[in-house]
C-alpha atoms as a PDB file:
ATOM      1  CA  UNK A   1      50.283  60.489 -10.494  1.00  0.00           C
ATOM      2  CA  UNK A   2      47.497  60.981  -7.953  1.00  0.00           C
ATOM      3  CA  UNK A   3      44.027  61.216  -9.432  1.00  0.00           C
ATOM      4  CA  UNK A   4      41.758  63.913  -8.101  1.00  0.00           C
ATOM      5  CA  UNK A   5      38.514  62.727  -6.567  1.00  0.00           C
ATOM      6  CA  UNK A   6      35.473  63.599  -8.602  1.00  0.00           C
ATOM      7  CA  UNK A   7      32.588  64.967  -6.585  1.00  0.00           C
ATOM      8  CA  UNK A   8      29.403  63.196  -7.497  1.00  0.00           C
ATOM      9  CA  UNK A   9      26.168  65.147  -7.624  1.00  0.00           C
ATOM     10  CA  UNK A  10      22.995  63.837  -6.054  1.00  0.00           C
ATOM     11  CA  UNK A  11      20.626  62.112  -8.467  1.00  0.00           C
ATOM     12  CA  UNK A  12      17.722  64.258  -9.637  1.00  0.00           C
ATOM     13  CA  UNK A  13      19.035  67.254  -7.630  1.00  0.00           C
ATOM     14  CA  UNK A  14      17.667  70.756  -8.233  1.00  0.00           C
ATOM     15  CA  UNK A  15      20.054  73.205  -9.885  1.00  0.00           C
ATOM     16  CA  UNK A  16      18.692  75.809  -7.434  1.00  0.00           C
ATOM     17  CA  UNK A  17      16.143  76.026  -4.653  1.00  0.00           C
ATOM     18  CA  UNK A  18      12.659  76.619  -6.056  1.00  0.00           C
ATOM     19  CA  UNK A  19      10.252  78.461  -3.763  1.00  0.00           C
ATOM     20  CA  UNK A  20       6.691  77.267  -4.505  1.00  0.00           C
ATOM     21  CA  UNK A  21       4.440  80.021  -5.756  1.00  0.00           C
ATOM     22  CA  UNK A  22       1.137  80.394  -3.876  1.00  0.00           C
ATOM     23  CA  UNK A  23      -2.160  79.830  -5.627  1.00  0.00           C
ATOM     24  CA  UNK A  24      -5.839  80.091  -4.803  1.00  0.00           C
ATOM     25  CA  UNK A  25      -7.134  77.189  -2.706  1.00  0.00           C
ATOM     26  CA  UNK A  26     -10.594  75.709  -3.188  1.00  0.00           C
ATOM     27  CA  UNK A  27     -12.572  72.692  -2.059  1.00  0.00           C
ATOM     28  CA  UNK A  28     -14.639  70.485  -4.330  1.00  0.00           C
ATOM     29  CA  UNK A  29     -17.716  71.230  -2.258  1.00  0.00           C
ATOM     30  CA  UNK A  30     -18.483  72.241   1.305  1.00  0.00           C
ATOM     31  CA  UNK A  31     -14.951  71.639   2.595  1.00  0.00           C
ATOM     32  CA  UNK A  32     -14.188  71.250   6.302  1.00  0.00           C
ATOM     33  CA  UNK A  33     -15.738  73.769   8.738  1.00  0.00           C
ATOM     34  CA  UNK A  34     -13.228  76.160  10.274  1.00  0.00           C
ATOM     35  CA  UNK A  35     -10.474  75.541   7.719  1.00  0.00           C
ATOM     36  CA  UNK A  36      -9.133  78.660   5.998  1.00  0.00           C
ATOM     37  CA  UNK A  37      -7.919  77.372   2.636  1.00  0.00           C
ATOM     38  CA  UNK A  38      -5.911  80.539   2.010  1.00  0.00           C
ATOM     39  CA  UNK A  39      -3.509  79.550   4.798  1.00  0.00           C
ATOM     40  CA  UNK A  40      -2.612  76.216   3.156  1.00  0.00           C
ATOM     41  CA  UNK A  41       0.647  77.369   1.562  1.00  0.00           C
ATOM     42  CA  UNK A  42       2.155  74.039   0.478  1.00  0.00           C
ATOM     43  CA  UNK A  43       1.440  71.975  -2.612  1.00  0.00           C
ATOM     44  CA  UNK A  44      -0.763  68.893  -2.901  1.00  0.00           C
ATOM     45  CA  UNK A  45       0.383  66.459  -5.606  1.00  0.00           C
ATOM     46  CA  UNK A  46      -1.696  63.348  -6.289  1.00  0.00           C
ATOM     47  CA  UNK A  47      -0.508  60.257  -8.148  1.00  0.00           C
ATOM     48  CA  UNK A  48      -3.471  58.147  -9.241  1.00  0.00           C
ATOM     49  CA  UNK A  49      -3.908  54.932 -11.172  1.00  0.00           C
ATOM     50  CA  UNK A  50      -5.357  51.441 -11.006  1.00  0.00           C
ATOM     51  CA  UNK A  51      -3.803  48.791  -8.756  1.00  0.00           C
ATOM     52  CA  UNK A  52      -0.350  47.835 -10.028  1.00  0.00           C
ATOM     53  CA  UNK A  53       0.198  51.037 -12.008  1.00  0.00           C
ATOM     54  CA  UNK A  54       3.449  51.929 -10.202  1.00  0.00           C
ATOM     55  CA  UNK A  55       2.202  54.823  -8.083  1.00  0.00           C
ATOM     56  CA  UNK A  56       4.251  54.000  -4.966  1.00  0.00           C
ATOM     57  CA  UNK A  57       7.495  53.795  -6.944  1.00  0.00           C
ATOM     58  CA  UNK A  58       6.903  57.205  -8.495  1.00  0.00           C
ATOM     59  CA  UNK A  59       5.899  58.750  -5.165  1.00  0.00           C
ATOM     60  CA  UNK A  60       9.164  57.592  -3.618  1.00  0.00           C
ATOM     61  CA  UNK A  61      11.220  58.952  -6.516  1.00  0.00           C
ATOM     62  CA  UNK A  62       9.422  62.295  -6.304  1.00  0.00           C
ATOM     63  CA  UNK A  63      10.011  62.446  -2.539  1.00  0.00           C
ATOM     64  CA  UNK A  64      13.759  61.847  -2.969  1.00  0.00           C
ATOM     65  CA  UNK A  65      13.967  64.454  -5.706  1.00  0.00           C
ATOM     66  CA  UNK A  66      11.961  67.084  -3.818  1.00  0.00           C
ATOM     67  CA  UNK A  67      13.873  66.596  -0.584  1.00  0.00           C
ATOM     68  CA  UNK A  68      17.173  66.870  -2.471  1.00  0.00           C
ATOM     69  CA  UNK A  69      15.969  70.326  -3.494  1.00  0.00           C
ATOM     70  CA  UNK A  70      15.226  71.413   0.059  1.00  0.00           C
ATOM     71  CA  UNK A  71      11.478  70.706   0.098  1.00  0.00           C
ATOM     72  CA  UNK A  72       9.958  69.103   3.183  1.00  0.00           C
ATOM     73  CA  UNK A  73       7.480  66.378   2.202  1.00  0.00           C
ATOM     74  CA  UNK A  74       4.536  64.544   3.695  1.00  0.00           C
ATOM     75  CA  UNK A  75       3.055  61.348   2.284  1.00  0.00           C
ATOM     76  CA  UNK A  76      -0.538  60.147   2.531  1.00  0.00           C
ATOM     77  CA  UNK A  77      -2.508  57.299   0.994  1.00  0.00           C
ATOM     78  CA  UNK A  78      -5.379  54.911   1.508  1.00  0.00           C
ATOM     79  CA  UNK A  79      -5.793  53.171   4.856  1.00  0.00           C
ATOM     80  CA  UNK A  80      -3.139  55.238   6.636  1.00  0.00           C
ATOM     81  CA  UNK A  81      -5.368  57.024   9.123  1.00  0.00           C
ATOM     82  CA  UNK A  82      -4.342  56.697  12.768  1.00  0.00           C
ATOM     83  CA  UNK A  83      -8.053  56.689  13.605  1.00  0.00           C
ATOM     84  CA  UNK A  84      -9.485  53.821  11.540  1.00  0.00           C
ATOM     85  CA  UNK A  85      -6.841  52.165   9.331  1.00  0.00           C
ATOM     86  CA  UNK A  86      -6.330  49.192  11.657  1.00  0.00           C
ATOM     87  CA  UNK A  87     -10.065  48.647  12.058  1.00  0.00           C
ATOM     88  CA  UNK A  88     -10.595  48.930   8.292  1.00  0.00           C
ATOM     89  CA  UNK A  89      -7.953  46.280   7.653  1.00  0.00           C
ATOM     90  CA  UNK A  90      -9.544  43.945  10.199  1.00  0.00           C
ATOM     91  CA  UNK A  91     -13.006  44.471   8.717  1.00  0.00           C
ATOM     92  CA  UNK A  92     -11.762  43.783   5.186  1.00  0.00           C
ATOM     93  CA  UNK A  93     -10.042  40.591   6.272  1.00  0.00           C
ATOM     94  CA  UNK A  94     -13.450  39.164   7.102  1.00  0.00           C
ATOM     95  CA  UNK A  95     -14.702  39.926   3.572  1.00  0.00           C
ATOM     96  CA  UNK A  96     -18.131  40.747   5.033  1.00  0.00           C
ATOM     97  CA  UNK A  97     -18.439  44.526   4.552  1.00  0.00           C
ATOM     98  CA  UNK A  98     -21.408  45.854   2.602  1.00  0.00           C
ATOM     99  CA  UNK A  99     -20.629  48.238  -0.229  1.00  0.00           C
ATOM    100  CA  UNK A 100     -22.033  51.246   1.622  1.00  0.00           C
ATOM    101  CA  UNK A 101     -20.197  50.417   4.857  1.00  0.00           C
ATOM    102  CA  UNK A 102     -16.955  49.937   2.927  1.00  0.00           C
ATOM    103  CA  UNK A 103     -17.439  53.300   1.223  1.00  0.00           C
ATOM    104  CA  UNK A 104     -18.072  55.142   4.496  1.00  0.00           C
ATOM    105  CA  UNK A 105     -15.125  53.400   6.173  1.00  0.00           C
ATOM    106  CA  UNK A 106     -12.776  54.684   3.478  1.00  0.00           C
ATOM    107  CA  UNK A 107     -14.361  58.148   3.595  1.00  0.00           C
ATOM    108  CA  UNK A 108     -13.662  58.272   7.342  1.00  0.00           C
ATOM    109  CA  UNK A 109     -10.060  57.215   6.734  1.00  0.00           C
ATOM    110  CA  UNK A 110      -9.673  59.973   4.145  1.00  0.00           C
ATOM    111  CA  UNK A 111     -11.344  62.651   6.304  1.00  0.00           C
ATOM    112  CA  UNK A 112      -9.063  61.889   9.248  1.00  0.00           C
ATOM    113  CA  UNK A 113      -5.924  62.179   7.102  1.00  0.00           C
ATOM    114  CA  UNK A 114      -7.262  65.333   5.454  1.00  0.00           C
ATOM    115  CA  UNK A 115      -7.783  67.078   8.787  1.00  0.00           C
ATOM    116  CA  UNK A 116      -4.775  65.750  10.699  1.00  0.00           C
ATOM    117  CA  UNK A 117      -2.091  65.207   8.041  1.00  0.00           C
ATOM    118  CA  UNK A 118      -2.844  67.000   4.767  1.00  0.00           C
ATOM    119  CA  UNK A 119      -4.045  70.330   6.156  1.00  0.00           C
ATOM    120  CA  UNK A 120      -1.235  70.660   8.750  1.00  0.00           C
ATOM    121  CA  UNK A 121       1.344  69.698   6.113  1.00  0.00           C
ATOM    122  CA  UNK A 122       0.085  72.301   3.659  1.00  0.00           C
ATOM    123  CA  UNK A 123      -0.229  74.925   6.381  1.00  0.00           C
ATOM    124  CA  UNK A 124       3.456  74.341   7.199  1.00  0.00           C
ATOM    125  CA  UNK A 125       4.357  74.843   3.538  1.00  0.00           C
ATOM    126  CA  UNK A 126       5.225  71.198   2.897  1.00  0.00           C
ATOM    127  CA  UNK A 127       4.894  69.241  -0.337  1.00  0.00           C
ATOM    128  CA  UNK A 128       2.130  66.716   0.339  1.00  0.00           C
ATOM    129  CA  UNK A 129       2.229  63.699  -1.981  1.00  0.00           C
ATOM    130  CA  UNK A 130      -0.844  61.490  -2.082  1.00  0.00           C
ATOM    131  CA  UNK A 131      -0.611  57.886  -3.250  1.00  0.00           C
ATOM    132  CA  UNK A 132      -4.232  57.940  -4.485  1.00  0.00           C
ATOM    133  CA  UNK A 133      -6.924  60.384  -3.461  1.00  0.00           C
ATOM    134  CA  UNK A 134     -10.716  60.572  -3.615  1.00  0.00           C
ATOM    135  CA  UNK A 135     -10.762  59.496  -7.272  1.00  0.00           C
ATOM    136  CA  UNK A 136      -9.766  55.891  -6.521  1.00  0.00           C
ATOM    137  CA  UNK A 137     -12.369  55.743  -3.773  1.00  0.00           C
ATOM    138  CA  UNK A 138     -15.049  57.115  -6.076  1.00  0.00           C
ATOM    139  CA  UNK A 139     -14.108  54.806  -8.976  1.00  0.00           C
ATOM    140  CA  UNK A 140     -14.267  51.742  -6.732  1.00  0.00           C
ATOM    141  CA  UNK A 141     -17.588  52.857  -5.246  1.00  0.00           C
ATOM    142  CA  UNK A 142     -19.102  53.538  -8.667  1.00  0.00           C
ATOM    143  CA  UNK A 143     -18.192  50.005  -9.768  1.00  0.00           C
ATOM    144  CA  UNK A 144     -20.021  48.740  -6.667  1.00  0.00           C
ATOM    145  CA  UNK A 145     -23.175  50.633  -7.575  1.00  0.00           C
ATOM    146  CA  UNK A 146     -22.947  53.754  -5.447  1.00  0.00           C
ATOM    147  CA  UNK A 147     -24.429  56.983  -6.786  1.00  0.00           C
ATOM    148  CA  UNK A 148     -22.075  59.642  -8.203  1.00  0.00           C
ATOM    149  CA  UNK A 149     -24.015  62.561  -6.693  1.00  0.00           C
ATOM    150  CA  UNK A 150     -23.892  60.880  -3.273  1.00  0.00           C
ATOM    151  CA  UNK A 151     -20.136  60.358  -3.577  1.00  0.00           C
ATOM    152  CA  UNK A 152     -19.495  63.920  -4.724  1.00  0.00           C
ATOM    153  CA  UNK A 153     -21.428  65.176  -1.708  1.00  0.00           C
ATOM    154  CA  UNK A 154     -19.370  63.009   0.682  1.00  0.00           C
ATOM    155  CA  UNK A 155     -16.088  64.083  -0.876  1.00  0.00           C
ATOM    156  CA  UNK A 156     -17.087  67.740  -1.084  1.00  0.00           C
ATOM    157  CA  UNK A 157     -14.780  68.026   1.951  1.00  0.00           C
ATOM    158  CA  UNK A 158     -11.761  67.310  -0.280  1.00  0.00           C
ATOM    159  CA  UNK A 159      -9.270  70.010  -1.199  1.00  0.00           C
ATOM    160  CA  UNK A 160      -8.656  70.429  -4.939  1.00  0.00           C
ATOM    161  CA  UNK A 161      -5.047  69.264  -5.554  1.00  0.00           C
ATOM    162  CA  UNK A 162      -2.430  71.339  -7.347  1.00  0.00           C
ATOM    163  CA  UNK A 163      -1.936  68.439  -9.763  1.00  0.00           C
ATOM    164  CA  UNK A 164      -3.325  64.948 -10.346  1.00  0.00           C
ATOM    165  CA  UNK A 165      -1.134  62.580 -12.362  1.00  0.00           C
ATOM    166  CA  UNK A 166      -2.945  59.469 -13.590  1.00  0.00           C
ATOM    167  CA  UNK A 167      -0.636  56.582 -14.532  1.00  0.00           C
ATOM    168  CA  UNK A 168      -2.282  54.842 -17.470  1.00  0.00           C
ATOM    169  CA  UNK A 169      -1.078  51.201 -17.551  1.00  0.00           C
ATOM    170  CA  UNK A 170      -2.505  48.234 -19.446  1.00  0.00           C
ATOM    171  CA  UNK A 171      -4.339  45.580 -17.407  1.00  0.00           C
ATOM    172  CA  UNK A 172      -1.901  42.866 -18.504  1.00  0.00           C
ATOM    173  CA  UNK A 173       1.075  44.900 -17.266  1.00  0.00           C
ATOM    174  CA  UNK A 174      -0.670  45.590 -13.930  1.00  0.00           C
ATOM    175  CA  UNK A 175      -1.230  41.858 -13.370  1.00  0.00           C
ATOM    176  CA  UNK A 176       2.464  41.168 -13.928  1.00  0.00           C
ATOM    177  CA  UNK A 177       3.454  43.928 -11.506  1.00  0.00           C
ATOM    178  CA  UNK A 178       1.067  42.696  -8.803  1.00  0.00           C
ATOM    179  CA  UNK A 179       2.426  39.165  -9.043  1.00  0.00           C
ATOM    180  CA  UNK A 180       6.005  40.423  -9.037  1.00  0.00           C
ATOM    181  CA  UNK A 181       5.321  42.416  -5.859  1.00  0.00           C
ATOM    182  CA  UNK A 182       3.193  40.045  -3.771  1.00  0.00           C
ATOM    183  CA  UNK A 183       3.155  36.752  -5.717  1.00  0.00           C
ATOM    184  CA  UNK A 184      -0.626  36.849  -5.279  1.00  0.00           C
ATOM    185  CA  UNK A 185      -3.709  38.936  -6.021  1.00  0.00           C
ATOM    186  CA  UNK A 186      -5.724  40.750  -3.357  1.00  0.00           C
ATOM    187  CA  UNK A 187      -9.374  39.792  -2.697  1.00  0.00           C
ATOM    188  CA  UNK A 188     -10.712  43.366  -2.808  1.00  0.00           C
ATOM    189  CA  UNK A 189      -8.402  44.589  -5.582  1.00  0.00           C
ATOM    190  CA  UNK A 190      -9.653  41.658  -7.635  1.00  0.00           C
ATOM    191  CA  UNK A 191     -13.297  42.577  -7.005  1.00  0.00           C
ATOM    192  CA  UNK A 192     -14.079  39.123  -5.628  1.00  0.00           C
ATOM    193  CA  UNK A 193     -16.904  40.644  -3.545  1.00  0.00           C
ATOM    194  CA  UNK A 194     -18.746  41.424  -6.799  1.00  0.00           C
ATOM    195  CA  UNK A 195     -19.042  37.820  -7.968  1.00  0.00           C
ATOM    196  CA  UNK A 196     -17.527  38.554 -11.364  1.00  0.00           C
ATOM    197  CA  UNK A 197     -15.749  35.192 -11.539  1.00  0.00           C
ATOM    198  CA  UNK A 198     -14.763  32.313  -9.280  1.00  0.00           C
ATOM    199  CA  UNK A 199     -11.198  32.607 -10.551  1.00  0.00           C
ATOM    200  CA  UNK A 200      -9.313  35.480  -8.900  1.00  0.00           C
ATOM    201  CA  UNK A 201      -7.134  36.117 -11.968  1.00  0.00           C
ATOM    202  CA  UNK A 202     -10.175  36.433 -14.236  1.00  0.00           C
ATOM    203  CA  UNK A 203     -12.012  38.528 -11.649  1.00  0.00           C
ATOM    204  CA  UNK A 204      -8.996  40.868 -11.341  1.00  0.00           C
ATOM    205  CA  UNK A 205      -8.984  41.570 -15.075  1.00  0.00           C
ATOM    206  CA  UNK A 206     -12.746  42.171 -15.205  1.00  0.00           C
ATOM    207  CA  UNK A 207     -12.812  44.316 -12.077  1.00  0.00           C
ATOM    208  CA  UNK A 208      -9.811  46.427 -13.046  1.00  0.00           C
ATOM    209  CA  UNK A 209     -11.356  47.056 -16.473  1.00  0.00           C
ATOM    210  CA  UNK A 210     -14.492  48.331 -14.723  1.00  0.00           C
ATOM    211  CA  UNK A 211     -12.449  50.579 -12.408  1.00  0.00           C
ATOM    212  CA  UNK A 212     -10.471  51.928 -15.361  1.00  0.00           C
ATOM    213  CA  UNK A 213     -13.738  52.758 -17.140  1.00  0.00           C
ATOM    214  CA  UNK A 214     -14.893  54.751 -14.114  1.00  0.00           C
ATOM    215  CA  UNK A 215     -11.551  56.575 -13.954  1.00  0.00           C
ATOM    216  CA  UNK A 216     -12.095  57.674 -17.551  1.00  0.00           C
ATOM    217  CA  UNK A 217     -15.567  58.866 -16.594  1.00  0.00           C
ATOM    218  CA  UNK A 218     -14.141  60.845 -13.655  1.00  0.00           C
ATOM    219  CA  UNK A 219     -11.398  62.279 -15.883  1.00  0.00           C
ATOM    220  CA  UNK A 220     -14.063  64.137 -17.866  1.00  0.00           C
ATOM    221  CA  UNK A 221     -15.101  65.909 -14.654  1.00  0.00           C
ATOM    222  CA  UNK A 222     -11.807  66.326 -12.797  1.00  0.00           C
ATOM    223  CA  UNK A 223      -9.303  66.612 -15.656  1.00  0.00           C
ATOM    224  CA  UNK A 224      -6.390  64.395 -14.616  1.00  0.00           C
ATOM    225  CA  UNK A 225      -3.000  64.754 -16.270  1.00  0.00           C
ATOM    226  CA  UNK A 226      -2.681  61.424 -18.108  1.00  0.00           C
ATOM    227  CA  UNK A 227       0.795  59.844 -18.032  1.00  0.00           C
ATOM    228  CA  UNK A 228       1.802  56.789 -20.059  1.00  0.00           C
ATOM    229  CA  UNK A 229       2.673  54.266 -17.347  1.00  0.00           C
ATOM    230  CA  UNK A 230       3.755  51.451 -19.665  1.00  0.00           C
ATOM    231  CA  UNK A 231       7.273  52.915 -19.932  1.00  0.00           C
ATOM    232  CA  UNK A 232      10.259  52.423 -17.640  1.00  0.00           C
ATOM    233  CA  UNK A 233      10.055  53.858 -14.124  1.00  0.00           C
ATOM    234  CA  UNK A 234      12.799  56.352 -14.983  1.00  0.00           C
ATOM    235  CA  UNK A 235      11.028  57.603 -18.119  1.00  0.00           C
ATOM    236  CA  UNK A 236       7.797  58.087 -16.173  1.00  0.00           C
ATOM    237  CA  UNK A 237       9.637  59.908 -13.402  1.00  0.00           C
ATOM    238  CA  UNK A 238      11.267  62.306 -15.853  1.00  0.00           C
ATOM    239  CA  UNK A 239       7.808  63.360 -17.033  1.00  0.00           C
ATOM    240  CA  UNK A 240       6.397  63.655 -13.507  1.00  0.00           C
ATOM    241  CA  UNK A 241       9.426  65.675 -12.420  1.00  0.00           C
ATOM    242  CA  UNK A 242       8.902  68.122 -15.292  1.00  0.00           C
ATOM    243  CA  UNK A 243       5.194  68.462 -14.484  1.00  0.00           C
ATOM    244  CA  UNK A 244       5.926  68.957 -10.782  1.00  0.00           C
ATOM    245  CA  UNK A 245       8.468  71.665 -11.592  1.00  0.00           C
ATOM    246  CA  UNK A 246       5.677  73.469 -13.442  1.00  0.00           C
ATOM    247  CA  UNK A 247       3.463  73.171 -10.357  1.00  0.00           C
ATOM    248  CA  UNK A 248       6.211  74.657  -8.174  1.00  0.00           C
ATOM    249  CA  UNK A 249       6.544  77.542 -10.622  1.00  0.00           C
ATOM    250  CA  UNK A 250       2.790  78.176 -10.440  1.00  0.00           C
ATOM    251  CA  UNK A 251       2.128  77.194 -14.055  1.00  0.00           C
END
């Protein structure tokens, strides 16, 4: 007897094509001159969280799921600007940047991606997924003593996302994930420039606790959607997929 081949369905596939519903577009502040927000038809989804929270994994899973449903996607993140990302990496390698210079460097990186990647993607109706957004930059800058009003003025150019998912993961779990990924801790992600401790491991825990505190402070203003990131990657994705479906439906 010949067995019939069973057609396998794509993982996470849509049961039908979902056309994103348009919504009103606004900036946090002054925006970018000459940009008509009403013409940005796509959706901007942000996945936030402290270092080691699993953002990149979830972004990739969301991209695969969205593209399986016929949605074109664009990805952005920190230090990906064609204009300054290479220079920012070189400057950080020297570990000599002042806090203000570091802040403005990152703001330039963000502004370039906003104008040349995010806006064109949204104008074309694409799903733009951001692996971190202005909130990480602001949290890091607040830990380093920068003024909140000053930061909100700088990032008044930022478009308000359709959704911001914050992956809430314990510091101990983030340490394990960082070691599993790179077998080392990063100088800046450990806050070694702040002189919190001579030991990088100890400095990482102290610095990340400070960043997490600032995220909670920003949450009161910006209203992130908090997601329990201590679960399996698949369980987290199931929740993010459901929340993203609501965004597509305009809810």
